[in-house]
Amino acid sequence: MSALSKFTLIFCFLAFLPLQAHAGEPRLMGRYGDWEAYVFSENGNKVCYMATQPKKREGNYTKRGESFLLITHRPAEGARNVFSYITGYTYKPGSDASAKIGSKKFLLFTQDDTAWGPDAETDESLTASIRKGSNMIITGTSSRGTQTTDTVSLKGSGKAYDEISKECPE
């Protein structure tokens, strides 16, 4: 089982622990380049997401958990293209992170170990850039002040996106 598959199982278990009676296990819909597409049921509603891990992680740290980038659709909630980056460490409180794809740079807000787009418009723009780009650079600062730079391959993201969008239409 790949690290990404293990993460998916752990993520869904922990994120939806209170909903276990109402949540289904994620089902892998396919692997596309460096991305995987998943679907699961939450309270009878489909949730689809695509996920990948960074190819390169830089920073002067001694201990860091795994990192994952996700784009999620929750049609029942009207939520599409929700960007999140689980970084493998706790961000410095009040700090921002950033994502860069080609010449486009996006400011992200942080909470605990995750960076998010600040609004639906940013999520939409990030997702469109991810689908067209080749690499994404994500920078952040840990609670200990460590600067990190992660490089994420976007190879296969367009096909993974098409798959989650087909399974979880608007």
C-alpha atoms as a PDB file:
ATOM      1  CA  MET A   1       0.000   0.000   0.000  1.00  0.00           C
ATOM      2  CA  SER A   2       1.440   3.362  -0.999  1.00  0.00           C
ATOM      3  CA  ALA A   3       2.042   6.100   1.564  1.00  0.00           C
ATOM      4  CA  LEU A   4      -0.693   8.114  -0.134  1.00  0.00           C
ATOM      5  CA  SER A   5      -3.160   5.248   0.224  1.00  0.00           C
ATOM      6  CA  LYS A   6      -2.231   4.804   3.891  1.00  0.00           C
ATOM      7  CA  PHE A   7      -2.680   8.517   4.449  1.00  0.00           C
ATOM      8  CA  THR A   8      -6.081   8.460   2.804  1.00  0.00           C
ATOM      9  CA  LEU A   9      -7.317   5.776   5.148  1.00  0.00           C
ATOM     10  CA  ILE A  10      -5.883   7.517   8.208  1.00  0.00           C
ATOM     11  CA  PHE A  11      -7.122  10.959   7.068  1.00  0.00           C
ATOM     12  CA  CYS A  12     -10.665   9.788   6.544  1.00  0.00           C
ATOM     13  CA  PHE A  13     -10.686   7.863   9.797  1.00  0.00           C
ATOM     14  CA  LEU A  14      -9.412  10.771  11.898  1.00  0.00           C
ATOM     15  CA  ALA A  15     -11.152  13.602  10.073  1.00  0.00           C
ATOM     16  CA  PHE A  16     -14.508  11.922  10.246  1.00  0.00           C
ATOM     17  CA  LEU A  17     -14.181   9.970  13.501  1.00  0.00           C
ATOM     18  CA  PRO A  18     -17.379  11.486  14.928  1.00  0.00           C
ATOM     19  CA  LEU A  19     -19.202  10.460  11.765  1.00  0.00           C
ATOM     20  CA  GLN A  20     -17.949   6.865  11.594  1.00  0.00           C
ATOM     21  CA  ALA A  21     -21.452   5.455  11.714  1.00  0.00           C
ATOM     22  CA  HIS A  22     -22.292   7.593   8.692  1.00  0.00           C
ATOM     23  CA  ALA A  23     -19.044   7.589   6.694  1.00  0.00           C
ATOM     24  CA  GLY A  24     -17.832   5.018   4.202  1.00  0.00           C
ATOM     25  CA  GLU A  25     -14.258   4.016   3.536  1.00  0.00           C
ATOM     26  CA  PRO A  26     -12.647   5.884   0.643  1.00  0.00           C
ATOM     27  CA  ARG A  27     -12.542   4.044  -2.666  1.00  0.00           C
ATOM     28  CA  LEU A  28      -9.625   4.621  -5.010  1.00  0.00           C
ATOM     29  CA  MET A  29     -11.060   5.577  -8.404  1.00  0.00           C
ATOM     30  CA  GLY A  30      -7.706   5.725 -10.163  1.00  0.00           C
ATOM     31  CA  ARG A  31      -4.080   6.769 -10.275  1.00  0.00           C
ATOM     32  CA  TYR A  32      -3.146   9.496 -12.729  1.00  0.00           C
ATOM     33  CA  GLY A  33       0.533  10.376 -12.964  1.00  0.00           C
ATOM     34  CA  ASP A  34       1.488  11.524  -9.461  1.00  0.00           C
ATOM     35  CA  TRP A  35      -2.125  11.909  -8.296  1.00  0.00           C
ATOM     36  CA  GLU A  36      -4.821   9.585  -6.946  1.00  0.00           C
ATOM     37  CA  ALA A  37      -8.597  10.151  -7.054  1.00  0.00           C
ATOM     38  CA  TYR A  38     -10.953   8.937  -4.291  1.00  0.00           C
ATOM     39  CA  VAL A  39     -14.644   8.916  -3.407  1.00  0.00           C
ATOM     40  CA  PHE A  40     -16.399   8.124  -0.130  1.00  0.00           C
ATOM     41  CA  SER A  41     -19.808   8.628   1.420  1.00  0.00           C
ATOM     42  CA  GLU A  42     -20.438  10.971   4.351  1.00  0.00           C
ATOM     43  CA  ASN A  43     -23.933  11.038   5.840  1.00  0.00           C
ATOM     44  CA  GLY A  44     -25.226   9.564   2.595  1.00  0.00           C
ATOM     45  CA  ASN A  45     -23.529  12.226   0.452  1.00  0.00           C
ATOM     46  CA  LYS A  46     -20.632  11.683  -1.924  1.00  0.00           C
ATOM     47  CA  VAL A  47     -17.311  13.366  -1.240  1.00  0.00           C
ATOM     48  CA  CYS A  48     -14.578  13.208  -3.885  1.00  0.00           C
ATOM     49  CA  TYR A  49     -10.979  14.281  -3.614  1.00  0.00           C
ATOM     50  CA  MET A  50      -7.673  14.038  -5.398  1.00  0.00           C
ATOM     51  CA  ALA A  51      -4.415  13.760  -3.501  1.00  0.00           C
ATOM     52  CA  THR A  52      -0.667  13.722  -3.971  1.00  0.00           C
ATOM     53  CA  GLN A  53       2.511  14.036  -1.922  1.00  0.00           C
ATOM     54  CA  PRO A  54       5.401  16.424  -2.545  1.00  0.00           C
ATOM     55  CA  LYS A  55       8.358  15.109  -4.546  1.00  0.00           C
ATOM     56  CA  LYS A  56      10.808  17.244  -2.571  1.00  0.00           C
ATOM     57  CA  ARG A  57      10.716  18.759   0.929  1.00  0.00           C
ATOM     58  CA  GLU A  58      13.350  21.235   2.065  1.00  0.00           C
ATOM     59  CA  GLY A  59      13.976  22.828   5.441  1.00  0.00           C
ATOM     60  CA  ASN A  60      16.185  22.492   8.485  1.00  0.00           C
ATOM     61  CA  TYR A  61      13.963  20.176  10.529  1.00  0.00           C
ATOM     62  CA  THR A  62      14.665  16.991  12.452  1.00  0.00           C
ATOM     63  CA  LYS A  63      11.148  15.606  12.696  1.00  0.00           C
ATOM     64  CA  ARG A  64       8.313  16.055  10.242  1.00  0.00           C
ATOM     65  CA  GLY A  65       5.278  13.964   9.370  1.00  0.00           C
ATOM     66  CA  GLU A  66       4.060  13.189   5.875  1.00  0.00           C
ATOM     67  CA  SER A  67       2.652  15.938   3.639  1.00  0.00           C
ATOM     68  CA  PHE A  68      -0.358  15.763   1.314  1.00  0.00           C
ATOM     69  CA  LEU A  69      -2.049  18.132  -1.122  1.00  0.00           C
ATOM     70  CA  LEU A  70      -5.794  17.656  -1.625  1.00  0.00           C
ATOM     71  CA  ILE A  71      -8.511  19.121  -3.832  1.00  0.00           C
ATOM     72  CA  THR A  72     -11.977  18.185  -2.532  1.00  0.00           C
ATOM     73  CA  HIS A  73     -15.538  18.322  -3.898  1.00  0.00           C
ATOM     74  CA  ARG A  74     -18.503  18.135  -1.496  1.00  0.00           C
ATOM     75  CA  PRO A  75     -21.515  18.582  -3.811  1.00  0.00           C
ATOM     76  CA  ALA A  76     -24.125  18.322  -1.033  1.00  0.00           C
ATOM     77  CA  GLU A  77     -22.501  21.342   0.663  1.00  0.00           C
ATOM     78  CA  GLY A  78     -21.959  23.244  -2.575  1.00  0.00           C
ATOM     79  CA  ALA A  79     -18.195  23.070  -2.013  1.00  0.00           C
ATOM     80  CA  ARG A  80     -15.933  22.466  -5.010  1.00  0.00           C
ATOM     81  CA  ASN A  81     -12.210  22.737  -5.601  1.00  0.00           C
ATOM     82  CA  VAL A  82     -11.382  23.100  -1.893  1.00  0.00           C
ATOM     83  CA  PHE A  83      -7.577  23.307  -1.687  1.00  0.00           C
ATOM     84  CA  SER A  84      -5.760  22.043   1.396  1.00  0.00           C
ATOM     85  CA  TYR A  85      -2.135  21.211   2.104  1.00  0.00           C
ATOM     86  CA  ILE A  86      -1.377  19.076   5.136  1.00  0.00           C
ATOM     87  CA  THR A  87       2.227  19.917   5.830  1.00  0.00           C
ATOM     88  CA  GLY A  88       3.463  17.355   8.350  1.00  0.00           C
ATOM     89  CA  TYR A  89       4.162  19.940  11.059  1.00  0.00           C
ATOM     90  CA  THR A  90       2.258  22.611  12.976  1.00  0.00           C
ATOM     91  CA  TYR A  91       2.424  26.016  11.322  1.00  0.00           C
ATOM     92  CA  LYS A  92       3.562  29.040  13.289  1.00  0.00           C
ATOM     93  CA  PRO A  93       0.378  30.593  14.749  1.00  0.00           C
ATOM     94  CA  GLY A  94      -0.780  33.562  12.688  1.00  0.00           C
ATOM     95  CA  SER A  95       1.587  32.781   9.828  1.00  0.00           C
ATOM     96  CA  ASP A  96       0.652  32.506   6.177  1.00  0.00           C
ATOM     97  CA  ALA A  97       1.913  29.991   3.653  1.00  0.00           C
ATOM     98  CA  SER A  98       2.195  30.468  -0.085  1.00  0.00           C
ATOM     99  CA  ALA A  99       1.821  28.365  -3.204  1.00  0.00           C
ATOM    100  CA  LYS A 100       3.456  29.220  -6.510  1.00  0.00           C
ATOM    101  CA  ILE A 101       2.602  27.670  -9.870  1.00  0.00           C
ATOM    102  CA  GLY A 102       4.551  29.148 -12.764  1.00  0.00           C
ATOM    103  CA  SER A 103       4.351  32.926 -12.318  1.00  0.00           C
ATOM    104  CA  LYS A 104       1.160  32.795 -10.209  1.00  0.00           C
ATOM    105  CA  LYS A 105       1.515  33.096  -6.442  1.00  0.00           C
ATOM    106  CA  PHE A 106      -1.272  32.363  -3.961  1.00  0.00           C
ATOM    107  CA  LEU A 107      -1.445  33.394  -0.304  1.00  0.00           C
ATOM    108  CA  LEU A 108      -2.747  30.639   2.001  1.00  0.00           C
ATOM    109  CA  PHE A 109      -3.959  30.848   5.571  1.00  0.00           C
ATOM    110  CA  THR A 110      -2.779  28.268   8.077  1.00  0.00           C
ATOM    111  CA  GLN A 111      -4.351  26.476  10.994  1.00  0.00           C
ATOM    112  CA  ASP A 112      -2.597  23.744  12.949  1.00  0.00           C
ATOM    113  CA  ASP A 113      -0.932  21.536  10.288  1.00  0.00           C
ATOM    114  CA  THR A 114      -2.957  22.631   7.249  1.00  0.00           C
ATOM    115  CA  ALA A 115      -2.808  25.490   4.733  1.00  0.00           C
ATOM    116  CA  TRP A 116      -6.024  26.514   2.945  1.00  0.00           C
ATOM    117  CA  GLY A 117      -7.102  28.900   0.248  1.00  0.00           C
ATOM    118  CA  PRO A 118      -8.715  31.922   1.954  1.00  0.00           C
ATOM    119  CA  ASP A 119     -11.894  31.808  -0.151  1.00  0.00           C
ATOM    120  CA  ALA A 120     -13.716  29.957  -2.943  1.00  0.00           C
ATOM    121  CA  GLU A 121     -12.314  32.307  -5.596  1.00  0.00           C
ATOM    122  CA  THR A 122      -8.736  31.461  -4.588  1.00  0.00           C
ATOM    123  CA  ASP A 123      -9.576  27.741  -4.474  1.00  0.00           C
ATOM    124  CA  GLU A 124     -10.985  27.995  -8.009  1.00  0.00           C
ATOM    125  CA  SER A 125      -7.918  29.822  -9.318  1.00  0.00           C
ATOM    126  CA  LEU A 126      -5.528  27.447  -7.528  1.00  0.00           C
ATOM    127  CA  THR A 127      -7.319  24.412  -8.936  1.00  0.00           C
ATOM    128  CA  ALA A 128      -7.266  25.797 -12.489  1.00  0.00           C
ATOM    129  CA  SER A 129      -3.531  26.522 -12.175  1.00  0.00           C
ATOM    130  CA  ILE A 130      -2.838  23.069 -10.728  1.00  0.00           C
ATOM    131  CA  ARG A 131      -4.571  21.429 -13.690  1.00  0.00           C
ATOM    132  CA  LYS A 132      -2.462  23.417 -16.179  1.00  0.00           C
ATOM    133  CA  GLY A 133       0.872  23.560 -14.352  1.00  0.00           C
ATOM    134  CA  SER A 134       3.797  21.183 -14.019  1.00  0.00           C
ATOM    135  CA  ASN A 135       5.027  21.906 -10.475  1.00  0.00           C
ATOM    136  CA  MET A 136       3.870  23.777  -7.396  1.00  0.00           C
ATOM    137  CA  ILE A 137       6.164  25.271  -4.760  1.00  0.00           C
ATOM    138  CA  ILE A 138       4.632  25.586  -1.278  1.00  0.00           C
ATOM    139  CA  THR A 139       6.437  27.571   1.416  1.00  0.00           C
ATOM    140  CA  GLY A 140       5.604  27.852   5.084  1.00  0.00           C
ATOM    141  CA  THR A 141       6.966  28.391   8.582  1.00  0.00           C
ATOM    142  CA  SER A 142       6.700  25.843  11.373  1.00  0.00           C
ATOM    143  CA  SER A 143       5.774  26.648  14.965  1.00  0.00           C
ATOM    144  CA  ARG A 144       9.520  26.444  15.722  1.00  0.00           C
ATOM    145  CA  GLY A 145      10.319  29.029  13.053  1.00  0.00           C
ATOM    146  CA  THR A 146      11.665  26.575  10.477  1.00  0.00           C
ATOM    147  CA  GLN A 147      11.179  27.755   6.891  1.00  0.00           C
ATOM    148  CA  THR A 148      10.090  24.969   4.535  1.00  0.00           C
ATOM    149  CA  THR A 149       9.836  24.694   0.773  1.00  0.00           C
ATOM    150  CA  ASP A 150       7.990  21.748  -0.760  1.00  0.00           C
ATOM    151  CA  THR A 151       7.823  20.882  -4.454  1.00  0.00           C
ATOM    152  CA  VAL A 152       4.700  19.093  -5.686  1.00  0.00           C
ATOM    153  CA  SER A 153       4.413  17.477  -9.115  1.00  0.00           C
ATOM    154  CA  LEU A 154       1.205  18.362 -10.931  1.00  0.00           C
ATOM    155  CA  LYS A 155       1.604  15.551 -13.485  1.00  0.00           C
ATOM    156  CA  GLY A 156      -1.744  13.781 -13.840  1.00  0.00           C
ATOM    157  CA  SER A 157      -3.688  16.401 -11.884  1.00  0.00           C
ATOM    158  CA  GLY A 158      -5.930  17.247 -14.841  1.00  0.00           C
ATOM    159  CA  LYS A 159      -7.047  13.640 -15.271  1.00  0.00           C
ATOM    160  CA  ALA A 160      -7.516  13.166 -11.514  1.00  0.00           C
ATOM    161  CA  TYR A 161      -9.616  16.340 -11.463  1.00  0.00           C
ATOM    162  CA  ASP A 162     -11.749  15.131 -14.364  1.00  0.00           C
ATOM    163  CA  GLU A 163     -12.375  11.878 -12.475  1.00  0.00           C
ATOM    164  CA  ILE A 164     -13.488  13.506  -9.211  1.00  0.00           C
ATOM    165  CA  SER A 165     -15.618  16.020 -11.127  1.00  0.00           C
ATOM    166  CA  LYS A 166     -17.348  13.239 -13.056  1.00  0.00           C
ATOM    167  CA  GLU A 167     -18.039  11.279  -9.851  1.00  0.00           C
ATOM    168  CA  CYS A 168     -19.099  14.353  -7.841  1.00  0.00           C
ATOM    169  CA  PRO A 169     -20.767  16.753 -10.287  1.00  0.00           C
ATOM    170  CA  GLU A 170     -22.105  20.138  -9.189  1.00  0.00           C
END
